[in-house]
Amino acid sequence: MTAQVVDVFGAHEGRAAAVQRLSGSGMKRLDPEALGAHLGHLLRAARALCGSRESAEDLVQETAARVLSRPRLLRGEDERAYLMQALRNTFLSSRRTAARRPRVTTTLEELETADRSTAASPEEAVIAAQVFPAIARLPESFRLALVAVDVAGLSYREAARALGASEATVTSRLYRARQRVARELDPERFGDQ
């Protein structure tokens, strides 16, 4: 008796037929073990989106749980772009959900805590204390473009695909986002531009 599997297309067929069907379509399954190789990029991107280390860790954990909950198909070999898009979608879903909840007067994110992980590296401490909050205050379209390219390390083409925009739009948003962050970090130097 041959083993029957339910492939990602929902049909019952043998394992060999499912593998052949995937390879013939130009699609491949996301290897769950490959997720670990991208966690650093995801965490940096999430930190820029959320503005706090704790929220970023929660976002990456929720994204990983969603991605691993069922088999995922990728077009081509670009796992990082797929995972960045999944991170973005999880972030947006959580923001929509949070917007429907009543707001508390003081949240844990508003309390300032010592971040022991950045104590060893002063450069990272400056980024954590100034740059990431400045990125988090950007309008959503600018923030997503900046996170995709500068934080996650995607190319303009990959970022455009992940954000569902043209490369020119990503380039424009990225330029404006960088200008706003620079102006916020050094208003005397960039304030008149």
Protein backbone atom coordinates (compact mmCIF):
# COMPACT_ATOMS: atom_id res chain seq x y z
CA MET A 1 0.00 0.00 0.00
CA THR A 2 1.50 3.38 -1.01
CA ALA A 3 1.59 6.27 1.42
CA GLN A 4 -0.95 8.97 0.65
CA VAL A 5 -0.15 12.61 1.40
CA VAL A 6 -2.17 15.75 1.24
CA ASP A 7 -0.01 18.15 -0.71
CA VAL A 8 -0.28 21.92 -0.59
CA PHE A 9 -2.67 21.87 -3.53
CA GLY A 10 -5.20 19.95 -1.43
CA ALA A 11 -5.35 16.81 -3.58
CA HIS A 12 -4.61 13.31 -2.32
CA GLU A 13 -1.78 11.80 -4.28
CA GLY A 14 1.38 9.83 -3.77
CA ARG A 15 4.57 11.50 -2.50
CA ALA A 16 6.40 11.09 -5.83
CA ALA A 17 3.52 12.66 -7.76
CA ALA A 18 3.40 15.59 -5.31
CA VAL A 19 7.15 16.24 -5.63
CA GLN A 20 6.95 16.01 -9.41
CA ARG A 21 4.00 18.40 -9.46
CA LEU A 22 5.92 20.94 -7.35
CA SER A 23 9.11 20.75 -9.40
CA GLY A 24 7.18 21.03 -12.66
CA SER A 25 5.45 24.24 -11.55
CA GLY A 26 8.69 26.09 -10.73
CA MET A 27 7.74 26.24 -7.08
CA LYS A 28 9.44 24.76 -4.06
CA ARG A 29 8.48 24.21 -0.47
CA LEU A 30 9.93 26.50 2.16
CA ASP A 31 12.36 24.47 4.23
CA PRO A 32 11.40 25.05 7.88
CA GLU A 33 15.03 24.64 8.94
CA ALA A 34 16.05 27.49 6.60
CA LEU A 35 13.98 29.88 8.72
CA GLY A 36 16.73 29.92 11.34
CA ALA A 37 19.22 31.36 8.86
CA HIS A 38 17.00 34.42 8.36
CA LEU A 39 16.06 35.13 11.99
CA GLY A 40 18.69 37.87 12.36
CA HIS A 41 17.37 39.76 9.34
CA LEU A 42 13.79 39.28 10.48
CA LEU A 43 14.59 40.51 13.98
CA ARG A 44 16.32 43.66 12.69
CA ALA A 45 13.43 44.38 10.34
CA ALA A 46 10.89 43.77 13.11
CA ARG A 47 12.83 46.08 15.44
CA ALA A 48 12.61 48.87 12.89
CA LEU A 49 8.90 48.24 12.36
CA CYS A 50 8.00 48.01 16.04
CA GLY A 51 10.47 50.33 17.70
CA SER A 52 11.17 48.06 20.67
CA ARG A 53 13.19 44.88 21.09
CA GLU A 54 10.45 43.05 22.97
CA SER A 55 7.75 43.80 20.40
CA ALA A 56 10.15 42.84 17.61
CA GLU A 57 10.86 39.48 19.23
CA ASP A 58 7.12 38.86 19.62
CA LEU A 59 6.53 39.79 15.97
CA VAL A 60 9.27 37.44 14.72
CA GLN A 61 7.94 34.64 16.92
CA GLU A 62 4.39 35.15 15.63
CA THR A 63 5.64 35.26 12.03
CA ALA A 64 7.63 32.06 12.48
CA ALA A 65 4.63 30.33 14.07
CA ARG A 66 2.41 31.34 11.14
CA VAL A 67 4.96 30.30 8.52
CA LEU A 68 5.61 26.95 10.18
CA SER A 69 1.93 26.20 10.82
CA ARG A 70 1.51 24.76 7.32
CA PRO A 71 3.66 24.03 4.26
CA ARG A 72 4.55 27.12 2.23
CA LEU A 73 5.40 27.36 -1.46
CA LEU A 74 7.98 29.72 -2.91
CA ARG A 75 8.40 30.91 -6.44
CA GLY A 76 12.10 30.68 -7.18
CA GLU A 77 14.73 30.59 -4.47
CA ASP A 78 14.04 33.83 -2.54
CA GLU A 79 13.28 32.72 1.01
CA ARG A 80 14.25 36.04 2.63
CA ALA A 81 11.86 38.11 0.50
CA TYR A 82 9.05 35.67 1.27
CA LEU A 83 9.80 35.79 5.00
CA MET A 84 10.00 39.60 4.94
CA GLN A 85 6.59 39.74 3.28
CA ALA A 86 5.23 37.32 5.90
CA LEU A 87 6.72 39.54 8.64
CA ARG A 88 5.13 42.63 7.10
CA ASN A 89 1.75 40.92 6.78
CA THR A 90 1.90 39.69 10.38
CA PHE A 91 2.84 43.21 11.53
CA LEU A 92 -0.04 44.79 9.64
CA SER A 93 -2.50 42.17 10.92
CA SER A 94 -1.40 42.75 14.49
CA ARG A 95 -1.72 46.53 14.06
CA ARG A 96 -5.27 46.14 12.73
CA THR A 97 -6.13 43.86 15.63
CA ALA A 98 -4.58 46.25 18.14
CA ALA A 99 -6.48 49.19 16.67
CA ARG A 100 -9.76 47.44 17.50
CA ARG A 101 -8.81 46.94 21.16
CA PRO A 102 -9.31 49.54 23.87
CA ARG A 103 -6.09 51.39 24.73
CA VAL A 104 -4.58 51.28 28.23
CA THR A 105 -3.14 54.46 29.71
CA THR A 106 0.38 53.05 30.25
CA THR A 107 1.81 50.10 28.38
CA LEU A 108 4.99 48.13 28.89
CA GLU A 109 6.43 49.60 25.67
CA GLU A 110 6.18 53.10 27.16
CA LEU A 111 8.28 52.15 30.17
CA GLU A 112 11.97 52.69 29.62
CA THR A 113 14.08 49.67 30.48
CA ALA A 114 17.77 48.96 30.35
CA ASP A 115 18.68 46.91 27.30
CA ARG A 116 21.60 44.75 28.45
CA SER A 117 22.20 43.28 24.97
CA THR A 118 23.38 46.65 23.59
CA ALA A 119 25.70 47.46 26.52
CA ALA A 120 28.58 45.58 24.89
CA SER A 121 28.40 47.53 21.61
CA PRO A 122 28.03 51.34 21.84
CA GLU A 123 27.20 51.59 18.13
CA GLU A 124 24.26 49.23 18.53
CA ALA A 125 23.14 51.15 21.60
CA VAL A 126 22.99 54.37 19.56
CA ILE A 127 21.02 52.63 16.82
CA ALA A 128 18.64 51.10 19.33
CA ALA A 129 18.13 54.35 21.23
CA GLN A 130 17.79 56.78 18.31
CA VAL A 131 17.52 55.30 14.85
CA PHE A 132 14.98 52.50 15.38
CA PRO A 133 12.48 54.76 17.21
CA ALA A 134 12.91 57.35 14.44
CA ILE A 135 12.17 54.65 11.85
CA ALA A 136 9.16 53.47 13.85
CA ARG A 137 7.69 57.01 13.71
CA LEU A 138 7.81 57.15 9.90
CA PRO A 139 4.60 56.83 7.89
CA GLU A 140 3.91 53.17 7.18
CA SER A 141 4.80 53.16 3.47
CA PHE A 142 8.15 54.88 4.12
CA ARG A 143 8.91 52.66 7.13
CA LEU A 144 8.23 49.45 5.21
CA ALA A 145 10.48 50.50 2.32
CA LEU A 146 13.30 51.52 4.67
CA VAL A 147 13.05 48.33 6.70
CA ALA A 148 12.98 46.12 3.62
CA VAL A 149 16.07 47.65 1.99
CA ASP A 150 18.25 49.12 4.76
CA VAL A 151 17.45 46.83 7.66
CA ALA A 152 16.55 43.50 6.05
CA GLY A 153 19.02 43.90 3.20
CA LEU A 154 16.65 43.22 0.32
CA SER A 155 17.47 44.58 -3.11
CA TYR A 156 15.16 47.23 -4.53
CA ARG A 157 13.59 44.59 -6.79
CA GLU A 158 13.03 42.16 -3.90
CA ALA A 159 11.61 44.94 -1.73
CA ALA A 160 9.28 46.03 -4.52
CA ARG A 161 8.01 42.47 -4.90
CA ALA A 162 7.58 42.01 -1.14
CA LEU A 163 5.76 45.34 -0.74
CA GLY A 164 3.65 45.02 -3.87
CA ALA A 165 4.98 48.26 -5.39
CA SER A 166 7.18 49.23 -8.32
CA GLU A 167 10.94 49.64 -7.94
CA ALA A 168 10.58 53.36 -8.64
CA THR A 169 8.04 53.69 -5.83
CA VAL A 170 10.31 51.84 -3.41
CA THR A 171 13.24 54.06 -4.45
CA SER A 172 11.21 57.22 -3.89
CA ARG A 173 9.84 56.06 -0.52
CA LEU A 174 13.30 54.96 0.58
CA TYR A 175 14.81 58.35 -0.29
CA ARG A 176 12.08 60.22 1.59
CA ALA A 177 12.30 57.88 4.58
CA ARG A 178 16.07 58.34 4.82
CA GLN A 179 15.66 62.11 4.61
CA ARG A 180 13.07 62.15 7.42
CA VAL A 181 15.19 59.97 9.69
CA ALA A 182 18.28 62.12 9.02
CA ARG A 183 16.27 65.30 9.71
CA GLU A 184 14.94 63.88 12.96
CA LEU A 185 18.37 62.72 14.16
CA ASP A 186 20.20 65.96 13.20
CA PRO A 187 17.65 68.78 12.76
CA GLU A 188 20.33 71.52 12.63
CA ARG A 189 22.13 69.93 9.70
CA PHE A 190 19.14 68.61 7.72
CA GLY A 191 16.34 70.91 8.92
CA ASP A 192 16.45 73.33 5.97
CA GLN A 193 16.43 70.70 3.24
